[in-house]
Amino acid sequence: MRALAHPARLAIMEELGTSGAALTATEAAAVAGLSPSATSYHLRALARFGLVEEAPSRGDGRERVWRSTVHSWQVDPGGSADPETQAAEGALVDAYLSREVDRIRGWLARIADEPPEWASGALMSESVLLLTADELKSFNAELMRLIEPYKRRHRIADPPEGARTVAVTYKAVPLD
């Protein structure tokens, strides 16, 4: 979890995991907004934790190509009684939430320049539900089932015309 609790590593893992692509440190640097040497460091750190691995070479073998070993991940904050694990979970959740807030702010900063169909299609909504624990689990499973066929990884090879990458953020947490 601590390996992921860094904005650059989250960006790299998202690109590798959602695209199914393999990337060099130079290519991943464009995704993470870092230099290739800094990105190489982060890729090696992710590899130490088994989150990425070297992919087959694309040609001359001089470039190290990396791919994700996982397609998705989730954190169950507070699921562990171990204080060190809880701290790692907290750091990862904080990094994830910061990334999501930055994305939303970025969208809001450029919304006036977006085509009307995209501006009207975007949504930020919160609904407060009254559920049992079993209903919450069922609701979550149903929503994940609805999202699955639209995941970038499944559509990247043949995307529909006009498709864009869209982040759908979903959280379902008890309030009281």
C-alpha atoms as a PDB file:
ATOM      1  CA  MET A   1       0.000   0.000   0.000  1.00  0.00           C
ATOM      2  CA  ARG A   2       2.817   2.379   0.790  1.00  0.00           C
ATOM      3  CA  ALA A   3       4.224   1.678  -2.681  1.00  0.00           C
ATOM      4  CA  LEU A   4       1.061   3.143  -4.183  1.00  0.00           C
ATOM      5  CA  ALA A   5       0.741   6.097  -1.797  1.00  0.00           C
ATOM      6  CA  HIS A   6       2.503   8.481  -4.166  1.00  0.00           C
ATOM      7  CA  PRO A   7       0.816  10.541  -6.899  1.00  0.00           C
ATOM      8  CA  ALA A   8       3.279   9.489  -9.619  1.00  0.00           C
ATOM      9  CA  ARG A   9       2.918   5.821  -8.766  1.00  0.00           C
ATOM     10  CA  LEU A  10      -0.864   6.096  -8.773  1.00  0.00           C
ATOM     11  CA  ALA A  11      -0.714   7.700 -12.232  1.00  0.00           C
ATOM     12  CA  ILE A  12       1.655   5.032 -13.561  1.00  0.00           C
ATOM     13  CA  MET A  13      -0.418   2.180 -12.140  1.00  0.00           C
ATOM     14  CA  GLU A  14      -3.595   3.694 -13.542  1.00  0.00           C
ATOM     15  CA  GLU A  15      -2.103   3.944 -17.026  1.00  0.00           C
ATOM     16  CA  LEU A  16      -0.631   0.442 -16.960  1.00  0.00           C
ATOM     17  CA  GLY A  17      -3.695  -1.129 -15.360  1.00  0.00           C
ATOM     18  CA  THR A  18      -6.413   0.588 -17.377  1.00  0.00           C
ATOM     19  CA  SER A  19      -4.715   0.453 -20.775  1.00  0.00           C
ATOM     20  CA  GLY A  20      -3.138  -2.979 -20.588  1.00  0.00           C
ATOM     21  CA  ALA A  21      -0.123  -1.341 -22.212  1.00  0.00           C
ATOM     22  CA  ALA A  22       3.527  -1.845 -21.443  1.00  0.00           C
ATOM     23  CA  LEU A  23       5.587   1.322 -20.980  1.00  0.00           C
ATOM     24  CA  THR A  24       9.196   2.382 -20.785  1.00  0.00           C
ATOM     25  CA  ALA A  25      10.295   4.807 -18.070  1.00  0.00           C
ATOM     26  CA  THR A  26      10.333   7.566 -20.687  1.00  0.00           C
ATOM     27  CA  GLU A  27       6.728   6.835 -21.702  1.00  0.00           C
ATOM     28  CA  ALA A  28       5.638   6.558 -18.076  1.00  0.00           C
ATOM     29  CA  ALA A  29       7.369   9.890 -17.363  1.00  0.00           C
ATOM     30  CA  ALA A  30       4.875  11.637 -19.656  1.00  0.00           C
ATOM     31  CA  VAL A  31       2.032  10.057 -17.669  1.00  0.00           C
ATOM     32  CA  ALA A  32       3.502  10.877 -14.254  1.00  0.00           C
ATOM     33  CA  GLY A  33       4.835  14.319 -15.092  1.00  0.00           C
ATOM     34  CA  LEU A  34       8.351  13.402 -13.964  1.00  0.00           C
ATOM     35  CA  SER A  35      11.743  12.853 -15.561  1.00  0.00           C
ATOM     36  CA  PRO A  36      12.476   9.393 -16.990  1.00  0.00           C
ATOM     37  CA  SER A  37      15.085   8.772 -14.255  1.00  0.00           C
ATOM     38  CA  ALA A  38      12.608   9.628 -11.476  1.00  0.00           C
ATOM     39  CA  THR A  39       9.972   7.481 -13.155  1.00  0.00           C
ATOM     40  CA  SER A  40      12.447   4.608 -13.453  1.00  0.00           C
ATOM     41  CA  TYR A  41      12.942   4.805  -9.682  1.00  0.00           C
ATOM     42  CA  HIS A  42       9.175   4.605  -9.106  1.00  0.00           C
ATOM     43  CA  LEU A  43       8.805   1.680 -11.530  1.00  0.00           C
ATOM     44  CA  ARG A  44      11.532  -0.247  -9.693  1.00  0.00           C
ATOM     45  CA  ALA A  45       9.796   0.486  -6.371  1.00  0.00           C
ATOM     46  CA  LEU A  46       6.494  -0.794  -7.770  1.00  0.00           C
ATOM     47  CA  ALA A  47       8.307  -3.898  -9.030  1.00  0.00           C
ATOM     48  CA  ARG A  48       9.759  -4.587  -5.558  1.00  0.00           C
ATOM     49  CA  PHE A  49       6.178  -4.846  -4.284  1.00  0.00           C
ATOM     50  CA  GLY A  50       5.067  -7.041  -7.187  1.00  0.00           C
ATOM     51  CA  LEU A  51       2.775  -4.424  -8.752  1.00  0.00           C
ATOM     52  CA  VAL A  52       4.692  -4.191 -12.041  1.00  0.00           C
ATOM     53  CA  GLU A  53       7.086  -6.479 -13.852  1.00  0.00           C
ATOM     54  CA  GLU A  54       9.374  -6.265 -16.826  1.00  0.00           C
ATOM     55  CA  ALA A  55       7.554  -6.965 -20.079  1.00  0.00           C
ATOM     56  CA  PRO A  56       9.100  -8.594 -23.130  1.00  0.00           C
ATOM     57  CA  SER A  57      11.410  -6.286 -25.054  1.00  0.00           C
ATOM     58  CA  ARG A  58       9.996  -4.446 -28.064  1.00  0.00           C
ATOM     59  CA  GLY A  59      13.094  -4.863 -30.141  1.00  0.00           C
ATOM     60  CA  ASP A  60      16.725  -4.244 -29.388  1.00  0.00           C
ATOM     61  CA  GLY A  61      16.440  -5.068 -25.690  1.00  0.00           C
ATOM     62  CA  ARG A  62      18.111  -1.854 -24.503  1.00  0.00           C
ATOM     63  CA  GLU A  63      14.901  -0.379 -23.157  1.00  0.00           C
ATOM     64  CA  ARG A  64      13.246  -1.775 -20.053  1.00  0.00           C
ATOM     65  CA  VAL A  65       9.546  -2.168 -20.694  1.00  0.00           C
ATOM     66  CA  TRP A  66       7.151  -2.506 -17.755  1.00  0.00           C
ATOM     67  CA  ARG A  67       3.639  -3.870 -17.381  1.00  0.00           C
ATOM     68  CA  SER A  68       1.199  -4.117 -14.523  1.00  0.00           C
ATOM     69  CA  THR A  69       0.701  -7.384 -12.693  1.00  0.00           C
ATOM     70  CA  VAL A  70      -2.737  -6.240 -11.466  1.00  0.00           C
ATOM     71  CA  HIS A  71      -5.742  -4.948 -13.405  1.00  0.00           C
ATOM     72  CA  SER A  72      -7.437  -3.217 -10.506  1.00  0.00           C
ATOM     73  CA  TRP A  73      -7.122  -2.794  -6.777  1.00  0.00           C
ATOM     74  CA  GLN A  74      -9.141  -1.585  -3.872  1.00  0.00           C
ATOM     75  CA  VAL A  75      -8.468  -0.719  -0.272  1.00  0.00           C
ATOM     76  CA  ASP A  76     -10.585  -1.697   2.683  1.00  0.00           C
ATOM     77  CA  PRO A  77      -9.649   1.160   5.014  1.00  0.00           C
ATOM     78  CA  GLY A  78      -9.713   0.097   8.615  1.00  0.00           C
ATOM     79  CA  GLY A  79      -9.865  -3.559   7.666  1.00  0.00           C
ATOM     80  CA  SER A  80      -6.713  -4.333   9.609  1.00  0.00           C
ATOM     81  CA  ALA A  81      -6.083  -4.151  13.342  1.00  0.00           C
ATOM     82  CA  ASP A  82      -2.338  -3.728  12.739  1.00  0.00           C
ATOM     83  CA  PRO A  83      -1.374  -0.031  13.271  1.00  0.00           C
ATOM     84  CA  GLU A  84       1.341  -0.119  10.586  1.00  0.00           C
ATOM     85  CA  THR A  85      -1.106  -1.524   8.030  1.00  0.00           C
ATOM     86  CA  GLN A  86      -3.717   1.048   9.045  1.00  0.00           C
ATOM     87  CA  ALA A  87      -1.153   3.825   8.547  1.00  0.00           C
ATOM     88  CA  ALA A  88      -0.283   2.483   5.084  1.00  0.00           C
ATOM     89  CA  GLU A  89      -3.991   2.253   4.215  1.00  0.00           C
ATOM     90  CA  GLY A  90      -4.490   5.828   5.391  1.00  0.00           C
ATOM     91  CA  ALA A  91      -1.561   7.114   3.325  1.00  0.00           C
ATOM     92  CA  LEU A  92      -2.875   5.362   0.208  1.00  0.00           C
ATOM     93  CA  VAL A  93      -6.423   6.635   0.706  1.00  0.00           C
ATOM     94  CA  ASP A  94      -5.106  10.182   1.258  1.00  0.00           C
ATOM     95  CA  ALA A  95      -3.054  10.045  -1.958  1.00  0.00           C
ATOM     96  CA  TYR A  96      -6.026   8.629  -3.882  1.00  0.00           C
ATOM     97  CA  LEU A  97      -8.442  11.280  -2.573  1.00  0.00           C
ATOM     98  CA  SER A  98      -5.976  14.086  -3.338  1.00  0.00           C
ATOM     99  CA  ARG A  99      -5.652  12.797  -6.894  1.00  0.00           C
ATOM    100  CA  GLU A 100      -9.421  12.690  -7.309  1.00  0.00           C
ATOM    101  CA  VAL A 101      -9.888  16.234  -5.984  1.00  0.00           C
ATOM    102  CA  ASP A 102      -7.146  17.481  -8.344  1.00  0.00           C
ATOM    103  CA  ARG A 103      -8.890  15.802 -11.295  1.00  0.00           C
ATOM    104  CA  ILE A 104     -12.235  17.366 -10.437  1.00  0.00           C
ATOM    105  CA  ARG A 105     -10.669  20.800 -10.010  1.00  0.00           C
ATOM    106  CA  GLY A 106      -8.915  20.368 -13.358  1.00  0.00           C
ATOM    107  CA  TRP A 107     -12.233  19.556 -15.025  1.00  0.00           C
ATOM    108  CA  LEU A 108     -13.936  22.549 -13.436  1.00  0.00           C
ATOM    109  CA  ALA A 109     -11.073  24.836 -14.520  1.00  0.00           C
ATOM    110  CA  ARG A 110     -11.483  23.849 -18.164  1.00  0.00           C
ATOM    111  CA  ILE A 111     -15.241  23.184 -18.361  1.00  0.00           C
ATOM    112  CA  ALA A 112     -15.916  26.456 -20.206  1.00  0.00           C
ATOM    113  CA  ASP A 113     -13.643  25.258 -23.027  1.00  0.00           C
ATOM    114  CA  GLU A 114     -15.282  21.836 -23.293  1.00  0.00           C
ATOM    115  CA  PRO A 115     -17.815  20.945 -26.002  1.00  0.00           C
ATOM    116  CA  PRO A 116     -21.386  21.348 -24.693  1.00  0.00           C
ATOM    117  CA  GLU A 117     -22.130  17.619 -24.951  1.00  0.00           C
ATOM    118  CA  TRP A 118     -19.232  16.852 -22.600  1.00  0.00           C
ATOM    119  CA  ALA A 119     -20.022  19.684 -20.201  1.00  0.00           C
ATOM    120  CA  SER A 120     -23.646  18.549 -19.932  1.00  0.00           C
ATOM    121  CA  GLY A 121     -22.714  14.870 -19.765  1.00  0.00           C
ATOM    122  CA  ALA A 122     -20.425  15.205 -16.770  1.00  0.00           C
ATOM    123  CA  LEU A 123     -21.984  14.708 -13.374  1.00  0.00           C
ATOM    124  CA  MET A 124     -21.112  15.300  -9.764  1.00  0.00           C
ATOM    125  CA  SER A 125     -23.772  13.993  -7.467  1.00  0.00           C
ATOM    126  CA  GLU A 126     -24.232  12.733  -3.964  1.00  0.00           C
ATOM    127  CA  SER A 127     -27.210  10.738  -2.811  1.00  0.00           C
ATOM    128  CA  VAL A 128     -27.690   9.831   0.808  1.00  0.00           C
ATOM    129  CA  LEU A 129     -29.215   6.364   0.999  1.00  0.00           C
ATOM    130  CA  LEU A 130     -30.666   4.367   3.854  1.00  0.00           C
ATOM    131  CA  LEU A 131     -29.329   0.810   3.572  1.00  0.00           C
ATOM    132  CA  THR A 132     -28.515  -2.265   5.568  1.00  0.00           C
ATOM    133  CA  ALA A 133     -24.979  -3.645   5.352  1.00  0.00           C
ATOM    134  CA  ASP A 134     -26.216  -6.428   3.035  1.00  0.00           C
ATOM    135  CA  GLU A 135     -28.026  -3.908   0.819  1.00  0.00           C
ATOM    136  CA  LEU A 136     -24.874  -1.797   0.629  1.00  0.00           C
ATOM    137  CA  LYS A 137     -22.836  -4.815  -0.484  1.00  0.00           C
ATOM    138  CA  SER A 138     -25.474  -5.719  -3.067  1.00  0.00           C
ATOM    139  CA  PHE A 139     -25.694  -2.120  -4.306  1.00  0.00           C
ATOM    140  CA  ASN A 140     -21.902  -1.930  -4.671  1.00  0.00           C
ATOM    141  CA  ALA A 141     -21.780  -5.219  -6.579  1.00  0.00           C
ATOM    142  CA  GLU A 142     -24.531  -4.086  -8.958  1.00  0.00           C
ATOM    143  CA  LEU A 143     -22.829  -0.773  -9.656  1.00  0.00           C
ATOM    144  CA  MET A 144     -19.506  -2.499 -10.332  1.00  0.00           C
ATOM    145  CA  ARG A 145     -21.314  -4.864 -12.721  1.00  0.00           C
ATOM    146  CA  LEU A 146     -22.742  -1.872 -14.624  1.00  0.00           C
ATOM    147  CA  ILE A 147     -19.335  -0.183 -14.895  1.00  0.00           C
ATOM    148  CA  GLU A 148     -17.342  -3.257 -15.965  1.00  0.00           C
ATOM    149  CA  PRO A 149     -18.097  -3.285 -19.728  1.00  0.00           C
ATOM    150  CA  TYR A 150     -17.104   0.389 -20.068  1.00  0.00           C
ATOM    151  CA  LYS A 151     -13.686   0.066 -18.444  1.00  0.00           C
ATOM    152  CA  ARG A 152     -10.925   1.510 -20.575  1.00  0.00           C
ATOM    153  CA  ARG A 153      -8.990  -1.739 -20.536  1.00  0.00           C
ATOM    154  CA  HIS A 154     -11.837  -3.539 -22.305  1.00  0.00           C
ATOM    155  CA  ARG A 155     -12.442  -0.850 -24.948  1.00  0.00           C
ATOM    156  CA  ILE A 156      -9.038   0.658 -25.672  1.00  0.00           C
ATOM    157  CA  ALA A 157      -8.316  -1.614 -28.648  1.00  0.00           C
ATOM    158  CA  ASP A 158     -11.480  -0.506 -30.484  1.00  0.00           C
ATOM    159  CA  PRO A 159     -12.986   2.568 -28.810  1.00  0.00           C
ATOM    160  CA  PRO A 160     -16.281   4.000 -30.068  1.00  0.00           C
ATOM    161  CA  GLU A 161     -15.906   7.151 -32.152  1.00  0.00           C
ATOM    162  CA  GLY A 162     -15.672  10.231 -29.958  1.00  0.00           C
ATOM    163  CA  ALA A 163     -14.855   8.261 -26.794  1.00  0.00           C
ATOM    164  CA  ARG A 164     -12.742   9.952 -24.117  1.00  0.00           C
ATOM    165  CA  THR A 165     -11.214   8.630 -20.938  1.00  0.00           C
ATOM    166  CA  VAL A 166     -13.598   9.447 -18.081  1.00  0.00           C
ATOM    167  CA  ALA A 167     -12.890   8.949 -14.379  1.00  0.00           C
ATOM    168  CA  VAL A 168     -15.868   7.648 -12.449  1.00  0.00           C
ATOM    169  CA  THR A 169     -15.291   8.027  -8.745  1.00  0.00           C
ATOM    170  CA  TYR A 170     -17.583   6.154  -6.437  1.00  0.00           C
ATOM    171  CA  LYS A 171     -17.522   5.964  -2.680  1.00  0.00           C
ATOM    172  CA  ALA A 172     -20.114   4.391  -0.445  1.00  0.00           C
ATOM    173  CA  VAL A 173     -19.384   4.996   3.214  1.00  0.00           C
ATOM    174  CA  PRO A 174     -21.680   5.025   6.260  1.00  0.00           C
ATOM    175  CA  LEU A 175     -22.194   8.544   7.628  1.00  0.00           C
ATOM    176  CA  ASP A 176     -23.292   7.654  11.136  1.00  0.00           C
END
